[in-house]
Amino acid sequence: VQLQASGGGLVQTGWCLRLSCAASGSIPSMYTTAWYRQLPGKQREMVARITSVGEIEYGDSAKGRWTISGDHVKNTAFLQMSSLKAEDTAVYSCNLRPWGTATEYWGQGTEVTVSS
């Protein structure tokens, strides 16, 4: 499985961005796709995740501001981010984990910079 993350960029406080994570290759039928972020000098944290059956969970940073969704036809997960703050500046990466295995796949990160 290969993951391609995109959509990052430089925006101003309060703006929106939509990140995309496109999966290709031998995609399992049951899996969880997650967005993580790593702020400068800090550990990676889970932002949001969605399963292949539509179950969703948000990390504290995303609750009330962001929405994760998935297009299973295109094998793409999206993270719609609104009300961006300077403290959201980070590298955002997507992860796919097939159910019932310890395997996980990572895409390259996409950088989000929010200027105040």
C-alpha atoms as a PDB file:
ATOM      1  CA  VAL A   1       0.000   0.000   0.000  1.00  0.00           C
ATOM      2  CA  GLN A   2       1.263   3.449  -0.894  1.00  0.00           C
ATOM      3  CA  LEU A   3      -0.096   6.653   0.586  1.00  0.00           C
ATOM      4  CA  GLN A   4       0.205  10.080  -0.997  1.00  0.00           C
ATOM      5  CA  ALA A   5      -0.577  13.050   1.221  1.00  0.00           C
ATOM      6  CA  SER A   6      -1.183  16.492  -0.221  1.00  0.00           C
ATOM      7  CA  GLY A   7      -2.895  19.790   0.455  1.00  0.00           C
ATOM      8  CA  GLY A   8      -0.574  21.472   2.906  1.00  0.00           C
ATOM      9  CA  GLY A   9       0.637  25.010   2.513  1.00  0.00           C
ATOM     10  CA  LEU A  10       1.101  28.410   4.041  1.00  0.00           C
ATOM     11  CA  VAL A  11      -2.084  30.082   5.238  1.00  0.00           C
ATOM     12  CA  GLN A  12      -3.120  32.779   7.649  1.00  0.00           C
ATOM     13  CA  THR A  13      -4.831  32.409  10.995  1.00  0.00           C
ATOM     14  CA  GLY A  14      -8.496  31.592  10.570  1.00  0.00           C
ATOM     15  CA  TRP A  15      -8.151  30.173   7.080  1.00  0.00           C
ATOM     16  CA  CYS A  16      -9.038  26.665   5.905  1.00  0.00           C
ATOM     17  CA  LEU A  17      -7.165  23.853   4.250  1.00  0.00           C
ATOM     18  CA  ARG A  18      -8.152  20.439   3.007  1.00  0.00           C
ATOM     19  CA  LEU A  19      -5.611  17.658   3.201  1.00  0.00           C
ATOM     20  CA  SER A  20      -5.914  14.560   1.051  1.00  0.00           C
ATOM     21  CA  CYS A  21      -4.461  11.095   1.547  1.00  0.00           C
ATOM     22  CA  ALA A  22      -4.718   8.903  -1.520  1.00  0.00           C
ATOM     23  CA  ALA A  23      -4.088   5.194  -1.122  1.00  0.00           C
ATOM     24  CA  SER A  24      -2.991   2.871  -3.897  1.00  0.00           C
ATOM     25  CA  GLY A  25      -1.804  -0.691  -4.236  1.00  0.00           C
ATOM     26  CA  SER A  26      -3.277  -3.709  -2.451  1.00  0.00           C
ATOM     27  CA  ILE A  27      -5.741  -1.942  -0.193  1.00  0.00           C
ATOM     28  CA  PRO A  28      -7.461  -4.223   2.313  1.00  0.00           C
ATOM     29  CA  SER A  29     -11.212  -4.242   2.645  1.00  0.00           C
ATOM     30  CA  MET A  30     -11.202  -3.283   6.317  1.00  0.00           C
ATOM     31  CA  TYR A  31      -8.830  -0.635   7.564  1.00  0.00           C
ATOM     32  CA  THR A  32      -8.409   2.571   9.496  1.00  0.00           C
ATOM     33  CA  THR A  33      -6.967   5.708   7.967  1.00  0.00           C
ATOM     34  CA  ALA A  34      -5.605   8.308  10.331  1.00  0.00           C
ATOM     35  CA  TRP A  35      -4.076  11.735  10.169  1.00  0.00           C
ATOM     36  CA  TYR A  36      -1.239  12.504  12.553  1.00  0.00           C
ATOM     37  CA  ARG A  37       0.727  15.654  13.035  1.00  0.00           C
ATOM     38  CA  GLN A  38       4.082  16.486  14.484  1.00  0.00           C
ATOM     39  CA  LEU A  39       4.661  19.949  15.818  1.00  0.00           C
ATOM     40  CA  PRO A  40       8.221  21.252  15.943  1.00  0.00           C
ATOM     41  CA  GLY A  41      10.040  19.666  18.864  1.00  0.00           C
ATOM     42  CA  LYS A  42       7.074  17.556  19.937  1.00  0.00           C
ATOM     43  CA  GLN A  43       5.902  13.987  19.585  1.00  0.00           C
ATOM     44  CA  ARG A  44       3.538  12.942  16.875  1.00  0.00           C
ATOM     45  CA  GLU A  45      -0.136  13.066  17.833  1.00  0.00           C
ATOM     46  CA  MET A  46      -3.262  11.596  16.315  1.00  0.00           C
ATOM     47  CA  VAL A  47      -5.509  14.232  14.772  1.00  0.00           C
ATOM     48  CA  ALA A  48      -8.395  12.187  13.392  1.00  0.00           C
ATOM     49  CA  ARG A  49      -9.124   8.728  12.075  1.00  0.00           C
ATOM     50  CA  ILE A  50     -11.808   7.022  10.051  1.00  0.00           C
ATOM     51  CA  THR A  51     -12.462   3.363   9.451  1.00  0.00           C
ATOM     52  CA  SER A  52     -13.526   1.750   6.212  1.00  0.00           C
ATOM     53  CA  VAL A  53     -17.029   1.423   7.681  1.00  0.00           C
ATOM     54  CA  GLY A  54     -17.230   5.088   8.566  1.00  0.00           C
ATOM     55  CA  GLU A  55     -16.434   5.154  12.261  1.00  0.00           C
ATOM     56  CA  ILE A  56     -14.702   8.389  13.195  1.00  0.00           C
ATOM     57  CA  GLU A  57     -12.596   9.545  16.105  1.00  0.00           C
ATOM     58  CA  TYR A  58     -11.004  12.939  16.648  1.00  0.00           C
ATOM     59  CA  GLY A  59      -8.047  13.978  18.701  1.00  0.00           C
ATOM     60  CA  ASP A  60      -8.404  16.982  20.980  1.00  0.00           C
ATOM     61  CA  SER A  61      -6.770  19.305  18.437  1.00  0.00           C
ATOM     62  CA  ALA A  62      -9.428  18.576  15.831  1.00  0.00           C
ATOM     63  CA  LYS A  63     -12.624  18.424  17.846  1.00  0.00           C
ATOM     64  CA  GLY A  64     -15.114  21.063  16.810  1.00  0.00           C
ATOM     65  CA  ARG A  65     -12.890  22.513  14.102  1.00  0.00           C
ATOM     66  CA  TRP A  66     -11.991  19.825  11.629  1.00  0.00           C
ATOM     67  CA  THR A  67     -13.733  17.037   9.757  1.00  0.00           C
ATOM     68  CA  ILE A  68     -12.332  13.777   8.466  1.00  0.00           C
ATOM     69  CA  SER A  69     -14.056  11.996   5.611  1.00  0.00           C
ATOM     70  CA  GLY A  70     -13.365   9.222   3.178  1.00  0.00           C
ATOM     71  CA  ASP A  71     -14.094   8.445  -0.446  1.00  0.00           C
ATOM     72  CA  HIS A  72     -13.873   4.692  -0.696  1.00  0.00           C
ATOM     73  CA  VAL A  73     -14.299   4.691  -4.452  1.00  0.00           C
ATOM     74  CA  LYS A  74     -11.210   6.833  -4.846  1.00  0.00           C
ATOM     75  CA  ASN A  75      -9.485   5.327  -1.783  1.00  0.00           C
ATOM     76  CA  THR A  76      -8.851   8.801  -0.473  1.00  0.00           C
ATOM     77  CA  ALA A  77      -9.256  10.273   2.990  1.00  0.00           C
ATOM     78  CA  PHE A  78      -9.679  13.983   3.559  1.00  0.00           C
ATOM     79  CA  LEU A  79      -9.081  16.251   6.494  1.00  0.00           C
ATOM     80  CA  GLN A  80     -10.995  19.500   6.227  1.00  0.00           C
ATOM     81  CA  MET A  81      -9.333  21.974   8.559  1.00  0.00           C
ATOM     82  CA  SER A  82     -10.958  25.263   9.463  1.00  0.00           C
ATOM     83  CA  SER A  83     -10.225  28.041  11.922  1.00  0.00           C
ATOM     84  CA  LEU A  84      -6.531  27.340  11.648  1.00  0.00           C
ATOM     85  CA  LYS A  85      -4.284  28.689  14.359  1.00  0.00           C
ATOM     86  CA  ALA A  86      -0.564  29.305  14.490  1.00  0.00           C
ATOM     87  CA  GLU A  87      -0.239  26.362  16.855  1.00  0.00           C
ATOM     88  CA  ASP A  88      -1.564  24.077  14.122  1.00  0.00           C
ATOM     89  CA  THR A  89       1.696  24.564  12.269  1.00  0.00           C
ATOM     90  CA  ALA A  90       3.076  21.067  11.835  1.00  0.00           C
ATOM     91  CA  VAL A  91       3.870  18.292   9.419  1.00  0.00           C
ATOM     92  CA  TYR A  92       0.718  16.267   8.804  1.00  0.00           C
ATOM     93  CA  SER A  93       1.050  12.606   7.810  1.00  0.00           C
ATOM     94  CA  CYS A  94      -1.481   9.942   6.968  1.00  0.00           C
ATOM     95  CA  ASN A  95      -1.439   6.355   8.131  1.00  0.00           C
ATOM     96  CA  LEU A  96      -3.351   3.262   7.041  1.00  0.00           C
ATOM     97  CA  ARG A  97      -3.699   0.242   9.291  1.00  0.00           C
ATOM     98  CA  PRO A  98      -5.406  -2.930   8.087  1.00  0.00           C
ATOM     99  CA  TRP A  99      -7.657  -4.452  10.683  1.00  0.00           C
ATOM    100  CA  GLY A 100      -6.389  -7.539  12.435  1.00  0.00           C
ATOM    101  CA  THR A 101      -2.723  -6.912  11.696  1.00  0.00           C
ATOM    102  CA  ALA A 102       0.164  -5.043  13.236  1.00  0.00           C
ATOM    103  CA  THR A 103       1.078  -3.650   9.824  1.00  0.00           C
ATOM    104  CA  GLU A 104       0.757   0.023   9.142  1.00  0.00           C
ATOM    105  CA  TYR A 105       1.612   2.205   6.204  1.00  0.00           C
ATOM    106  CA  TRP A 106       2.700   5.816   6.230  1.00  0.00           C
ATOM    107  CA  GLY A 107       2.599   8.484   3.590  1.00  0.00           C
ATOM    108  CA  GLN A 108       5.075  11.292   3.373  1.00  0.00           C
ATOM    109  CA  GLY A 109       4.148  14.348   5.371  1.00  0.00           C
ATOM    110  CA  THR A 110       2.576  17.499   4.063  1.00  0.00           C
ATOM    111  CA  GLU A 111       3.567  20.683   5.801  1.00  0.00           C
ATOM    112  CA  VAL A 112       1.028  23.127   7.140  1.00  0.00           C
ATOM    113  CA  THR A 113       2.212  26.554   8.217  1.00  0.00           C
ATOM    114  CA  VAL A 114      -0.216  28.996   9.769  1.00  0.00           C
ATOM    115  CA  SER A 115       1.010  32.550  10.090  1.00  0.00           C
ATOM    116  CA  SER A 116      -0.468  34.882  12.672  1.00  0.00           C
END
